[in-house]
Structures are given as structure tokens and as C-alpha cells.
Amino acid sequence: MITTPLKMVVIVAEPVLETRLTSELRELGATGCTVIEGRGEGSRHAHATDVPGSNVRIEAIVHPELADRIMEHVSRHYFEHYSFIAYVVDVAVARGAKYG
């Protein structure tokens, strides 16, 4: 099978940011994303927010240049003010043309 090397940007954030983040991903050029509810524990062994509940994990598969733009955007607008994690993973996808 032929695959296309791309990047998956993964964001774990407070649920209140879901709509804003998914809109911004589209505005930046992502063709879509997946949102998953999640729970976990951080480096302080506690939930990152004072309000109980799930965080959201947002995944977008994009070209490397767009992954860089997204990471720059979220680092500028979210890292300082929110419970927020973002990272990039190398992926190999079938039907690479779907990703712009």
C-alpha cells in the first residue's frame, strides 16, 4: 500500500476551548479534525483544572508546514493562559490527497 508521510497535531485542552480550537484549525488550513473526550493525570498527579470532568483531545492530520503554523498559533494563544498540551507525531496515511 502506498502511504503519504504527514503530521498529526495533537492538542489536549480544557473542554471550553473545543469549538474555538476546531474553528481555528479550519481557519489555519486543516481539512478536518477528530475530537475525543479524555481524562488523565498530569505531572502534579492531579487533574489540570479545578472543575471535574473530561478534557478534549483534538487530532488533525496535516502537512508539515501547517503543523508548524498550528503549533506556533497555539503556543502564542493558549500555553500561558490554559491547561494545554500540544505535540506533533509523524504519521503515514492512505489516501493522502484528502489532507490538502
N, C-alpha and C. Protein backbone atom coordinates (compact mmCIF):
# COMPACT_ATOMS: atom_id res chain seq x y z
N MET A 1 0.84 -1.18 0.00
CA MET A 1 0.00 0.00 0.00
C MET A 1 0.88 1.24 0.00
N ILE A 2 0.49 2.21 -0.78
CA ILE A 2 1.20 3.48 -0.84
C ILE A 2 0.65 4.40 0.24
N THR A 3 1.55 5.00 1.01
CA THR A 3 1.14 5.94 2.04
C THR A 3 1.84 7.28 1.83
N THR A 4 1.30 8.29 2.44
CA THR A 4 1.85 9.64 2.36
C THR A 4 2.32 10.05 3.75
N PRO A 5 3.57 10.51 3.89
CA PRO A 5 4.03 10.96 5.20
C PRO A 5 3.45 12.34 5.53
N LEU A 6 2.77 12.43 6.66
CA LEU A 6 2.19 13.69 7.12
C LEU A 6 2.45 13.83 8.61
N LYS A 7 1.85 14.83 9.22
CA LYS A 7 2.00 15.08 10.66
C LYS A 7 0.62 15.05 11.30
N MET A 8 0.55 14.54 12.51
CA MET A 8 -0.68 14.63 13.29
C MET A 8 -0.41 15.57 14.45
N VAL A 9 -1.15 16.67 14.48
CA VAL A 9 -1.08 17.60 15.60
C VAL A 9 -2.09 17.12 16.63
N VAL A 10 -1.63 16.96 17.87
CA VAL A 10 -2.49 16.51 18.96
C VAL A 10 -2.54 17.62 20.00
N ILE A 11 -3.75 18.00 20.37
CA ILE A 11 -3.98 19.03 21.37
C ILE A 11 -4.84 18.43 22.48
N VAL A 12 -4.41 18.59 23.72
CA VAL A 12 -5.22 18.19 24.87
C VAL A 12 -5.50 19.47 25.65
N ALA A 13 -6.80 19.79 25.78
CA ALA A 13 -7.15 21.10 26.34
C ALA A 13 -8.44 21.02 27.15
N GLU A 14 -8.72 22.12 27.82
CA GLU A 14 -9.96 22.26 28.57
C GLU A 14 -11.14 22.19 27.59
N PRO A 15 -12.23 21.54 27.97
CA PRO A 15 -13.36 21.38 27.04
C PRO A 15 -13.98 22.68 26.58
N VAL A 16 -13.87 23.72 27.35
CA VAL A 16 -14.43 25.02 26.97
C VAL A 16 -13.77 25.55 25.69
N LEU A 17 -12.59 25.05 25.35
CA LEU A 17 -11.86 25.53 24.16
C LEU A 17 -12.18 24.75 22.89
N GLU A 18 -12.96 23.69 22.97
CA GLU A 18 -13.17 22.81 21.82
C GLU A 18 -13.65 23.53 20.58
N THR A 19 -14.73 24.26 20.67
CA THR A 19 -15.30 24.94 19.49
C THR A 19 -14.32 25.95 18.92
N ARG A 20 -13.72 26.72 19.79
CA ARG A 20 -12.75 27.74 19.35
C ARG A 20 -11.57 27.08 18.63
N LEU A 21 -11.02 26.02 19.21
CA LEU A 21 -9.86 25.36 18.62
C LEU A 21 -10.19 24.71 17.29
N THR A 22 -11.33 24.02 17.20
CA THR A 22 -11.66 23.36 15.94
C THR A 22 -11.90 24.40 14.84
N SER A 23 -12.49 25.53 15.19
CA SER A 23 -12.67 26.61 14.20
C SER A 23 -11.33 27.16 13.75
N GLU A 24 -10.43 27.39 14.70
CA GLU A 24 -9.12 27.93 14.35
C GLU A 24 -8.31 26.95 13.50
N LEU A 25 -8.42 25.65 13.78
CA LEU A 25 -7.72 24.67 12.94
C LEU A 25 -8.19 24.77 11.50
N ARG A 26 -9.49 24.90 11.30
CA ARG A 26 -10.04 25.05 9.95
C ARG A 26 -9.54 26.34 9.30
N GLU A 27 -9.57 27.44 10.06
CA GLU A 27 -9.10 28.73 9.53
C GLU A 27 -7.63 28.68 9.14
N LEU A 28 -6.84 27.92 9.89
CA LEU A 28 -5.41 27.80 9.58
C LEU A 28 -5.16 26.91 8.37
N GLY A 29 -6.13 26.06 8.01
CA GLY A 29 -5.97 25.24 6.81
C GLY A 29 -6.18 23.75 6.98
N ALA A 30 -6.49 23.27 8.18
CA ALA A 30 -6.76 21.84 8.36
C ALA A 30 -8.06 21.48 7.66
N THR A 31 -8.11 20.33 7.02
CA THR A 31 -9.32 19.91 6.32
C THR A 31 -10.32 19.26 7.25
N GLY A 32 -9.92 18.96 8.47
CA GLY A 32 -10.81 18.35 9.45
C GLY A 32 -10.04 18.00 10.70
N CYS A 33 -10.77 17.47 11.68
CA CYS A 33 -10.12 17.05 12.91
C CYS A 33 -11.01 16.03 13.62
N THR A 34 -10.44 15.36 14.60
CA THR A 34 -11.18 14.42 15.43
C THR A 34 -11.10 14.93 16.85
N VAL A 35 -12.24 14.88 17.56
CA VAL A 35 -12.29 15.31 18.95
C VAL A 35 -12.70 14.12 19.80
N ILE A 36 -11.92 13.87 20.85
CA ILE A 36 -12.15 12.75 21.75
C ILE A 36 -12.14 13.28 23.18
N GLU A 37 -13.11 12.86 24.00
CA GLU A 37 -13.08 13.23 25.41
C GLU A 37 -12.05 12.36 26.11
N GLY A 38 -11.37 12.94 27.09
CA GLY A 38 -10.35 12.17 27.79
C GLY A 38 -10.18 12.63 29.22
N ARG A 39 -9.59 11.76 30.00
CA ARG A 39 -9.24 12.09 31.37
C ARG A 39 -7.82 11.62 31.59
N GLY A 40 -7.20 12.11 32.63
CA GLY A 40 -5.85 11.70 32.92
C GLY A 40 -5.29 12.47 34.08
N GLU A 41 -4.02 12.38 34.20
CA GLU A 41 -3.35 12.98 35.33
C GLU A 41 -2.06 13.57 34.82
N GLY A 42 -1.74 14.76 35.30
CA GLY A 42 -0.56 15.46 34.84
C GLY A 42 0.64 15.23 35.73
N SER A 43 1.65 16.04 35.52
CA SER A 43 2.91 15.89 36.26
C SER A 43 2.73 16.13 37.75
N ARG A 44 1.66 16.84 38.12
CA ARG A 44 1.39 17.09 39.54
C ARG A 44 0.46 16.04 40.12
N HIS A 45 0.17 14.99 39.36
CA HIS A 45 -0.67 13.88 39.78
C HIS A 45 -2.09 14.33 40.13
N ALA A 46 -2.58 15.32 39.41
CA ALA A 46 -3.93 15.81 39.62
C ALA A 46 -4.49 16.29 38.29
N HIS A 47 -5.80 16.36 38.21
CA HIS A 47 -6.45 16.90 37.02
C HIS A 47 -6.02 18.35 36.87
N ALA A 48 -5.86 18.79 35.66
CA ALA A 48 -5.28 20.11 35.41
C ALA A 48 -6.21 21.27 35.74
N THR A 49 -7.51 21.01 35.82
CA THR A 49 -8.42 22.11 36.14
C THR A 49 -9.10 21.84 37.47
N ASP A 50 -9.66 22.87 38.06
CA ASP A 50 -10.37 22.72 39.32
C ASP A 50 -11.76 22.13 39.13
N VAL A 51 -12.30 22.21 37.92
CA VAL A 51 -13.63 21.70 37.64
C VAL A 51 -13.52 20.25 37.21
N PRO A 52 -14.22 19.32 37.88
CA PRO A 52 -14.12 17.92 37.49
C PRO A 52 -14.67 17.70 36.08
N GLY A 53 -14.18 16.69 35.40
CA GLY A 53 -14.68 16.37 34.07
C GLY A 53 -13.55 16.05 33.11
N SER A 54 -13.96 15.87 31.89
CA SER A 54 -13.03 15.45 30.86
C SER A 54 -12.35 16.63 30.19
N ASN A 55 -11.19 16.36 29.65
CA ASN A 55 -10.54 17.28 28.71
C ASN A 55 -10.93 16.84 27.32
N VAL A 56 -10.55 17.61 26.32
CA VAL A 56 -10.73 17.17 24.93
C VAL A 56 -9.35 16.94 24.32
N ARG A 57 -9.29 15.92 23.50
CA ARG A 57 -8.10 15.64 22.69
C ARG A 57 -8.52 15.88 21.25
N ILE A 58 -7.84 16.81 20.62
CA ILE A 58 -8.16 17.18 19.24
C ILE A 58 -6.99 16.76 18.37
N GLU A 59 -7.27 15.99 17.34
CA GLU A 59 -6.24 15.49 16.43
C GLU A 59 -6.52 16.00 15.02
N ALA A 60 -5.49 16.50 14.36
CA ALA A 60 -5.62 16.93 12.97
C ALA A 60 -4.41 16.43 12.20
N ILE A 61 -4.66 15.78 11.07
CA ILE A 61 -3.58 15.31 10.20
C ILE A 61 -3.37 16.35 9.12
N VAL A 62 -2.13 16.83 9.03
CA VAL A 62 -1.82 17.97 8.17
C VAL A 62 -0.43 17.81 7.56
N HIS A 63 -0.13 18.67 6.59
CA HIS A 63 1.22 18.73 6.03
C HIS A 63 2.17 19.37 7.04
N PRO A 64 3.46 19.08 6.96
CA PRO A 64 4.43 19.59 7.94
C PRO A 64 4.41 21.10 8.14
N GLU A 65 4.26 21.86 7.07
CA GLU A 65 4.26 23.31 7.18
C GLU A 65 3.07 23.80 8.01
N LEU A 66 1.92 23.17 7.80
CA LEU A 66 0.73 23.54 8.55
C LEU A 66 0.87 23.12 10.02
N ALA A 67 1.47 21.99 10.27
CA ALA A 67 1.72 21.57 11.65
C ALA A 67 2.53 22.63 12.38
N ASP A 68 3.54 23.17 11.72
CA ASP A 68 4.36 24.24 12.33
C ASP A 68 3.52 25.48 12.62
N ARG A 69 2.65 25.86 11.68
CA ARG A 69 1.80 27.05 11.88
C ARG A 69 0.83 26.84 13.04
N ILE A 70 0.26 25.65 13.11
CA ILE A 70 -0.67 25.36 14.20
C ILE A 70 0.05 25.41 15.55
N MET A 71 1.22 24.80 15.63
CA MET A 71 1.96 24.80 16.89
C MET A 71 2.35 26.22 17.30
N GLU A 72 2.74 27.03 16.35
CA GLU A 72 3.06 28.43 16.64
C GLU A 72 1.82 29.16 17.16
N HIS A 73 0.71 28.95 16.50
CA HIS A 73 -0.54 29.60 16.90
C HIS A 73 -0.95 29.21 18.32
N VAL A 74 -1.00 27.92 18.60
CA VAL A 74 -1.46 27.51 19.94
C VAL A 74 -0.47 27.91 21.02
N SER A 75 0.82 27.89 20.71
CA SER A 75 1.79 28.30 21.73
C SER A 75 1.64 29.79 22.04
N ARG A 76 1.32 30.58 21.05
CA ARG A 76 1.16 32.02 21.24
C ARG A 76 -0.13 32.35 21.98
N HIS A 77 -1.22 31.61 21.70
CA HIS A 77 -2.52 31.99 22.22
C HIS A 77 -3.02 31.20 23.43
N TYR A 78 -2.42 30.04 23.71
CA TYR A 78 -3.02 29.18 24.73
C TYR A 78 -2.09 28.74 25.86
N PHE A 79 -0.82 28.52 25.59
CA PHE A 79 0.05 27.92 26.60
C PHE A 79 0.09 28.69 27.91
N GLU A 80 0.11 29.99 27.84
CA GLU A 80 0.26 30.80 29.05
C GLU A 80 -1.02 30.87 29.89
N HIS A 81 -2.17 30.72 29.23
CA HIS A 81 -3.43 31.01 29.91
C HIS A 81 -4.32 29.80 30.20
N TYR A 82 -4.01 28.64 29.67
CA TYR A 82 -4.89 27.49 29.80
C TYR A 82 -4.10 26.24 30.15
N SER A 83 -4.83 25.26 30.70
CA SER A 83 -4.27 23.92 30.84
C SER A 83 -4.25 23.35 29.42
N PHE A 84 -3.06 23.12 28.87
CA PHE A 84 -2.96 22.90 27.43
C PHE A 84 -1.70 22.10 27.10
N ILE A 85 -1.85 21.06 26.31
CA ILE A 85 -0.72 20.28 25.81
C ILE A 85 -0.87 20.19 24.30
N ALA A 86 0.22 20.33 23.57
CA ALA A 86 0.19 20.16 22.12
C ALA A 86 1.48 19.47 21.69
N TYR A 87 1.34 18.53 20.76
CA TYR A 87 2.52 17.86 20.22
C TYR A 87 2.24 17.37 18.80
N VAL A 88 3.31 17.01 18.11
CA VAL A 88 3.22 16.59 16.71
C VAL A 88 3.80 15.19 16.59
N VAL A 89 3.10 14.35 15.83
CA VAL A 89 3.52 12.96 15.62
C VAL A 89 3.63 12.72 14.12
N ASP A 90 4.68 12.00 13.71
CA ASP A 90 4.80 11.59 12.31
C ASP A 90 3.79 10.48 12.04
N VAL A 91 3.05 10.59 10.92
CA VAL A 91 2.10 9.55 10.53
C VAL A 91 2.28 9.25 9.04
N ALA A 92 1.84 8.08 8.63
CA ALA A 92 1.82 7.69 7.22
C ALA A 92 0.39 7.29 6.90
N VAL A 93 -0.25 8.03 6.02
CA VAL A 93 -1.67 7.82 5.77
C VAL A 93 -1.94 7.30 4.36
N ALA A 94 -2.98 6.49 4.26
CA ALA A 94 -3.50 6.11 2.95
C ALA A 94 -4.39 7.25 2.48
N ARG A 95 -4.56 7.40 1.20
CA ARG A 95 -5.39 8.48 0.64
C ARG A 95 -4.90 9.85 1.08
N GLY A 96 -3.62 10.09 0.94
CA GLY A 96 -3.00 11.34 1.36
C GLY A 96 -3.58 12.58 0.71
N ALA A 97 -4.20 12.45 -0.44
CA ALA A 97 -4.77 13.60 -1.12
C ALA A 97 -5.93 14.22 -0.34
N LYS A 98 -6.52 13.48 0.59
CA LYS A 98 -7.62 14.01 1.40
C LYS A 98 -7.17 15.15 2.30
N TYR A 99 -5.88 15.27 2.53
CA TYR A 99 -5.37 16.20 3.52
C TYR A 99 -4.82 17.48 2.91
N GLY A 100 -5.30 17.82 1.75
CA GLY A 100 -4.98 19.08 1.11
C GLY A 100 -3.61 19.11 0.57
